[in-house]
Amino acid sequence: MPKFNILSLLKRPLAKLRRDDKGVAAVEFAIIVPLMVTFFIGTIELSQAITVDRRVTKIASATADLIARTKQTTRCEVEGILDIAEEILNPYDASPLRVSIGNVVSSATPPIQTTVSWAYQHNGGANGSALATGNTYPLPPGVVEAGDSVLVAEVQYNYTPLIFNEFIT
């Protein structure tokens, strides 16, 4: 009776399987797809965040510029300007937009003390803002001289990612 060896029976099919490269592309694709999808979604998220950041910066400068152009500003005019600011943010949600704007006046004699002469808070104002009427407001040295004033706008926007937020929470 011939000796039965399982290795000799499997030698030929194993050699054939070793040379077969039909599924290599599918395996490589399965390994690379999650990485490609992550990079794609990350690129979308990053571009959205940069766009919102630029719009928030534009809101700060446009708001301060429009208010600074007038000799006197009423509360109604400031609210109208901030309605325009919300349109700058469009198509993004304006509900997380918080704006604090105020006029900071320096004392007439050195050492210069800066106080807020008037302030307006939109949607509760920027968190941690010292812009409130009567408060002292720290300014970097050299921004104002004795007896001058400057308009300060602080804008805060709590950005929520479009896609990654679903994975994070």
C-alpha atoms as a PDB file:
ATOM      1  CA  MET A   1       0.000   0.000   0.000  1.00  0.00           C
ATOM      2  CA  PRO A   2       1.396   3.367  -0.980  1.00  0.00           C
ATOM      3  CA  LYS A   3       2.266   5.787   1.735  1.00  0.00           C
ATOM      4  CA  PHE A   4      -0.200   8.650   2.000  1.00  0.00           C
ATOM      5  CA  ASN A   5       1.435  12.072   2.441  1.00  0.00           C
ATOM      6  CA  ILE A   6      -0.830  15.086   2.669  1.00  0.00           C
ATOM      7  CA  LEU A   7       1.999  17.500   1.871  1.00  0.00           C
ATOM      8  CA  SER A   8       2.671  15.901  -1.463  1.00  0.00           C
ATOM      9  CA  LEU A   9      -1.023  16.231  -2.321  1.00  0.00           C
ATOM     10  CA  LEU A  10      -1.113  19.936  -1.407  1.00  0.00           C
ATOM     11  CA  LYS A  11       2.216  20.881  -2.994  1.00  0.00           C
ATOM     12  CA  ARG A  12       0.856  21.542  -6.459  1.00  0.00           C
ATOM     13  CA  PRO A  13      -2.269  23.590  -5.421  1.00  0.00           C
ATOM     14  CA  LEU A  14      -0.168  25.609  -2.937  1.00  0.00           C
ATOM     15  CA  ALA A  15       2.415  26.422  -5.612  1.00  0.00           C
ATOM     16  CA  LYS A  16      -0.359  27.497  -7.967  1.00  0.00           C
ATOM     17  CA  LEU A  17      -1.939  29.670  -5.256  1.00  0.00           C
ATOM     18  CA  ARG A  18       1.411  31.292  -4.476  1.00  0.00           C
ATOM     19  CA  ARG A  19       1.845  32.398  -8.109  1.00  0.00           C
ATOM     20  CA  ASP A  20      -1.754  33.668  -8.426  1.00  0.00           C
ATOM     21  CA  ASP A  21      -1.916  37.479  -8.198  1.00  0.00           C
ATOM     22  CA  LYS A  22      -5.542  38.085  -9.227  1.00  0.00           C
ATOM     23  CA  GLY A  23      -6.698  39.520  -5.871  1.00  0.00           C
ATOM     24  CA  VAL A  24      -3.709  41.738  -5.114  1.00  0.00           C
ATOM     25  CA  ALA A  25      -5.315  44.935  -6.455  1.00  0.00           C
ATOM     26  CA  ALA A  26      -8.483  44.334  -4.429  1.00  0.00           C
ATOM     27  CA  VAL A  27      -6.495  43.799  -1.230  1.00  0.00           C
ATOM     28  CA  GLU A  28      -4.396  46.921  -1.835  1.00  0.00           C
ATOM     29  CA  PHE A  29      -7.538  48.917  -2.569  1.00  0.00           C
ATOM     30  CA  ALA A  30      -9.179  47.680   0.646  1.00  0.00           C
ATOM     31  CA  ILE A  31      -6.124  48.790   2.626  1.00  0.00           C
ATOM     32  CA  ILE A  32      -5.877  52.250   1.013  1.00  0.00           C
ATOM     33  CA  VAL A  33      -9.587  53.256   0.859  1.00  0.00           C
ATOM     34  CA  PRO A  34     -10.025  54.125   4.566  1.00  0.00           C
ATOM     35  CA  LEU A  35      -6.926  56.316   4.435  1.00  0.00           C
ATOM     36  CA  MET A  36      -8.095  58.056   1.246  1.00  0.00           C
ATOM     37  CA  VAL A  37     -11.576  58.681   2.672  1.00  0.00           C
ATOM     38  CA  THR A  38     -10.078  60.106   5.874  1.00  0.00           C
ATOM     39  CA  PHE A  39      -7.847  62.474   3.897  1.00  0.00           C
ATOM     40  CA  PHE A  40     -10.766  63.539   1.692  1.00  0.00           C
ATOM     41  CA  ILE A  41     -13.079  64.278   4.625  1.00  0.00           C
ATOM     42  CA  GLY A  42     -10.236  66.006   6.488  1.00  0.00           C
ATOM     43  CA  THR A  43      -9.592  68.255   3.494  1.00  0.00           C
ATOM     44  CA  ILE A  44     -13.261  69.220   3.337  1.00  0.00           C
ATOM     45  CA  GLU A  45     -13.378  69.947   7.071  1.00  0.00           C
ATOM     46  CA  LEU A  46     -10.180  71.997   6.992  1.00  0.00           C
ATOM     47  CA  SER A  47     -11.347  74.083   4.039  1.00  0.00           C
ATOM     48  CA  GLN A  48     -14.698  74.751   5.746  1.00  0.00           C
ATOM     49  CA  ALA A  49     -12.959  75.799   8.958  1.00  0.00           C
ATOM     50  CA  ILE A  50     -10.611  78.143   7.079  1.00  0.00           C
ATOM     51  CA  THR A  51     -13.550  79.688   5.214  1.00  0.00           C
ATOM     52  CA  VAL A  52     -15.464  80.314   8.454  1.00  0.00           C
ATOM     53  CA  ASP A  53     -12.320  81.772  10.067  1.00  0.00           C
ATOM     54  CA  ARG A  54     -11.883  84.222   7.179  1.00  0.00           C
ATOM     55  CA  ARG A  55     -15.529  85.269   7.357  1.00  0.00           C
ATOM     56  CA  VAL A  56     -15.326  85.823  11.114  1.00  0.00           C
ATOM     57  CA  THR A  57     -12.225  87.982  10.600  1.00  0.00           C
ATOM     58  CA  LYS A  58     -14.064  89.914   7.897  1.00  0.00           C
ATOM     59  CA  ILE A  59     -17.008  90.428  10.279  1.00  0.00           C
ATOM     60  CA  ALA A  60     -14.704  91.932  12.920  1.00  0.00           C
ATOM     61  CA  SER A  61     -13.051  94.355  10.528  1.00  0.00           C
ATOM     62  CA  ALA A  62     -16.227  95.290   8.605  1.00  0.00           C
ATOM     63  CA  THR A  63     -18.245  95.861  11.774  1.00  0.00           C
ATOM     64  CA  ALA A  64     -15.597  98.069  13.355  1.00  0.00           C
ATOM     65  CA  ASP A  65     -15.028  99.928  10.071  1.00  0.00           C
ATOM     66  CA  LEU A  66     -18.725 100.673   9.471  1.00  0.00           C
ATOM     67  CA  ILE A  67     -19.258 101.907  13.020  1.00  0.00           C
ATOM     68  CA  ALA A  68     -16.045 103.976  13.024  1.00  0.00           C
ATOM     69  CA  ARG A  69     -17.178 105.874   9.907  1.00  0.00           C
ATOM     70  CA  THR A  70     -19.983 107.637  11.784  1.00  0.00           C
ATOM     71  CA  LYS A  71     -19.662 110.515  14.260  1.00  0.00           C
ATOM     72  CA  GLN A  72     -22.475 109.174  16.416  1.00  0.00           C
ATOM     73  CA  THR A  73     -23.939 105.701  16.407  1.00  0.00           C
ATOM     74  CA  THR A  74     -27.295 104.635  17.736  1.00  0.00           C
ATOM     75  CA  ARG A  75     -28.116 101.210  19.068  1.00  0.00           C
ATOM     76  CA  CYS A  76     -30.432 100.645  16.087  1.00  0.00           C
ATOM     77  CA  GLU A  77     -27.593 101.403  13.631  1.00  0.00           C
ATOM     78  CA  VAL A  78     -25.260  98.989  15.443  1.00  0.00           C
ATOM     79  CA  GLU A  79     -27.938  96.279  15.320  1.00  0.00           C
ATOM     80  CA  GLY A  80     -28.382  96.916  11.586  1.00  0.00           C
ATOM     81  CA  ILE A  81     -24.634  96.615  11.013  1.00  0.00           C
ATOM     82  CA  LEU A  82     -24.582  93.350  12.941  1.00  0.00           C
ATOM     83  CA  ASP A  83     -27.444  92.062  10.782  1.00  0.00           C
ATOM     84  CA  ILE A  84     -25.149  92.717   7.821  1.00  0.00           C
ATOM     85  CA  ALA A  85     -22.386  90.852   9.672  1.00  0.00           C
ATOM     86  CA  GLU A  86     -24.627  87.807   9.921  1.00  0.00           C
ATOM     87  CA  GLU A  87     -25.123  87.967   6.144  1.00  0.00           C
ATOM     88  CA  ILE A  88     -21.337  87.919   5.673  1.00  0.00           C
ATOM     89  CA  LEU A  89     -21.340  84.579   7.474  1.00  0.00           C
ATOM     90  CA  ASN A  90     -24.020  83.160   5.167  1.00  0.00           C
ATOM     91  CA  PRO A  91     -24.473  80.164   4.294  1.00  0.00           C
ATOM     92  CA  TYR A  92     -23.056  79.139   7.680  1.00  0.00           C
ATOM     93  CA  ASP A  93     -25.224  79.170  10.794  1.00  0.00           C
ATOM     94  CA  ALA A  94     -25.112  82.591  12.480  1.00  0.00           C
ATOM     95  CA  SER A  95     -26.494  81.467  15.859  1.00  0.00           C
ATOM     96  CA  PRO A  96     -23.031  80.706  17.366  1.00  0.00           C
ATOM     97  CA  LEU A  97     -21.783  84.172  16.299  1.00  0.00           C
ATOM     98  CA  ARG A  98     -21.036  86.402  19.283  1.00  0.00           C
ATOM     99  CA  VAL A  99     -19.847  89.978  18.871  1.00  0.00           C
ATOM    100  CA  SER A 100     -18.681  92.513  21.440  1.00  0.00           C
ATOM    101  CA  ILE A 101     -17.978  96.009  20.167  1.00  0.00           C
ATOM    102  CA  GLY A 102     -17.096  99.109  22.122  1.00  0.00           C
ATOM    103  CA  ASN A 103     -15.298 102.411  22.218  1.00  0.00           C
ATOM    104  CA  VAL A 104     -12.220 102.445  24.451  1.00  0.00           C
ATOM    105  CA  VAL A 105     -11.076 105.898  25.593  1.00  0.00           C
ATOM    106  CA  SER A 106      -7.694 106.678  27.112  1.00  0.00           C
ATOM    107  CA  SER A 107      -7.142 109.145  29.928  1.00  0.00           C
ATOM    108  CA  ALA A 108      -5.895 112.621  29.028  1.00  0.00           C
ATOM    109  CA  THR A 109      -2.806 112.384  31.224  1.00  0.00           C
ATOM    110  CA  PRO A 110      -0.117 109.719  31.493  1.00  0.00           C
ATOM    111  CA  PRO A 111       0.011 107.037  32.749  1.00  0.00           C
ATOM    112  CA  ILE A 112      -2.688 106.182  30.273  1.00  0.00           C
ATOM    113  CA  GLN A 113      -5.735 104.415  31.696  1.00  0.00           C
ATOM    114  CA  THR A 114      -8.210 102.976  29.185  1.00  0.00           C
ATOM    115  CA  THR A 115     -11.911 102.680  29.875  1.00  0.00           C
ATOM    116  CA  VAL A 116     -14.865 101.561  27.793  1.00  0.00           C
ATOM    117  CA  SER A 117     -17.134 104.548  27.100  1.00  0.00           C
ATOM    118  CA  TRP A 118     -19.856 102.468  25.403  1.00  0.00           C
ATOM    119  CA  ALA A 119     -20.285  98.830  24.435  1.00  0.00           C
ATOM    120  CA  TYR A 120     -22.734  96.597  22.611  1.00  0.00           C
ATOM    121  CA  GLN A 121     -23.055  92.827  22.961  1.00  0.00           C
ATOM    122  CA  HIS A 122     -24.588  90.780  20.137  1.00  0.00           C
ATOM    123  CA  ASN A 123     -25.880  87.267  21.031  1.00  0.00           C
ATOM    124  CA  GLY A 124     -24.439  87.660  24.525  1.00  0.00           C
ATOM    125  CA  GLY A 125     -21.089  89.010  23.321  1.00  0.00           C
ATOM    126  CA  ALA A 126     -17.750  87.267  23.050  1.00  0.00           C
ATOM    127  CA  ASN A 127     -17.018  85.015  26.032  1.00  0.00           C
ATOM    128  CA  GLY A 128     -14.606  86.580  28.500  1.00  0.00           C
ATOM    129  CA  SER A 129     -14.875  90.007  26.879  1.00  0.00           C
ATOM    130  CA  ALA A 130     -14.045  93.004  29.070  1.00  0.00           C
ATOM    131  CA  LEU A 131     -16.053  95.252  26.744  1.00  0.00           C
ATOM    132  CA  ALA A 132     -18.695  96.608  29.083  1.00  0.00           C
ATOM    133  CA  THR A 133     -19.434 100.266  29.704  1.00  0.00           C
ATOM    134  CA  GLY A 134     -17.228 101.603  32.502  1.00  0.00           C
ATOM    135  CA  ASN A 135     -14.784  98.666  32.552  1.00  0.00           C
ATOM    136  CA  THR A 136     -11.081  99.180  32.122  1.00  0.00           C
ATOM    137  CA  TYR A 137      -9.871  97.584  28.917  1.00  0.00           C
ATOM    138  CA  PRO A 138      -6.226  96.576  28.461  1.00  0.00           C
ATOM    139  CA  LEU A 139      -4.707  97.730  25.178  1.00  0.00           C
ATOM    140  CA  PRO A 140      -1.212  97.007  23.906  1.00  0.00           C
ATOM    141  CA  PRO A 141       1.229  99.872  24.462  1.00  0.00           C
ATOM    142  CA  GLY A 142       1.279 102.485  21.707  1.00  0.00           C
ATOM    143  CA  VAL A 143      -2.221 101.786  20.345  1.00  0.00           C
ATOM    144  CA  VAL A 144      -3.695 105.003  21.729  1.00  0.00           C
ATOM    145  CA  GLU A 145      -2.155 108.235  22.925  1.00  0.00           C
ATOM    146  CA  ALA A 146      -3.416 110.299  25.847  1.00  0.00           C
ATOM    147  CA  GLY A 147      -6.966 111.530  25.213  1.00  0.00           C
ATOM    148  CA  ASP A 148      -7.567 109.327  22.134  1.00  0.00           C
ATOM    149  CA  SER A 149     -10.087 106.564  21.610  1.00  0.00           C
ATOM    150  CA  VAL A 150     -10.211 103.372  19.609  1.00  0.00           C
ATOM    151  CA  LEU A 151     -13.037 101.127  18.496  1.00  0.00           C
ATOM    152  CA  VAL A 152     -12.608  97.496  19.555  1.00  0.00           C
ATOM    153  CA  ALA A 153     -14.522  94.582  18.024  1.00  0.00           C
ATOM    154  CA  GLU A 154     -14.266  91.072  19.436  1.00  0.00           C
ATOM    155  CA  VAL A 155     -15.900  88.303  17.446  1.00  0.00           C
ATOM    156  CA  GLN A 156     -16.288  84.692  18.516  1.00  0.00           C
ATOM    157  CA  TYR A 157     -17.754  81.819  16.528  1.00  0.00           C
ATOM    158  CA  ASN A 158     -18.082  78.292  17.884  1.00  0.00           C
ATOM    159  CA  TYR A 159     -17.463  76.228  14.764  1.00  0.00           C
ATOM    160  CA  THR A 160     -19.044  72.800  14.522  1.00  0.00           C
ATOM    161  CA  PRO A 161     -17.450  70.457  11.979  1.00  0.00           C
ATOM    162  CA  LEU A 162     -19.749  69.219   9.231  1.00  0.00           C
ATOM    163  CA  ILE A 163     -18.775  65.555   9.085  1.00  0.00           C
ATOM    164  CA  PHE A 164     -16.282  64.784  11.866  1.00  0.00           C
ATOM    165  CA  ASN A 165     -18.760  66.028  14.466  1.00  0.00           C
ATOM    166  CA  GLU A 166     -20.840  62.895  13.810  1.00  0.00           C
ATOM    167  CA  PHE A 167     -17.823  60.667  14.546  1.00  0.00           C
ATOM    168  CA  ILE A 168     -16.586  62.624  17.575  1.00  0.00           C
ATOM    169  CA  THR A 169     -19.837  62.822  19.545  1.00  0.00           C
END
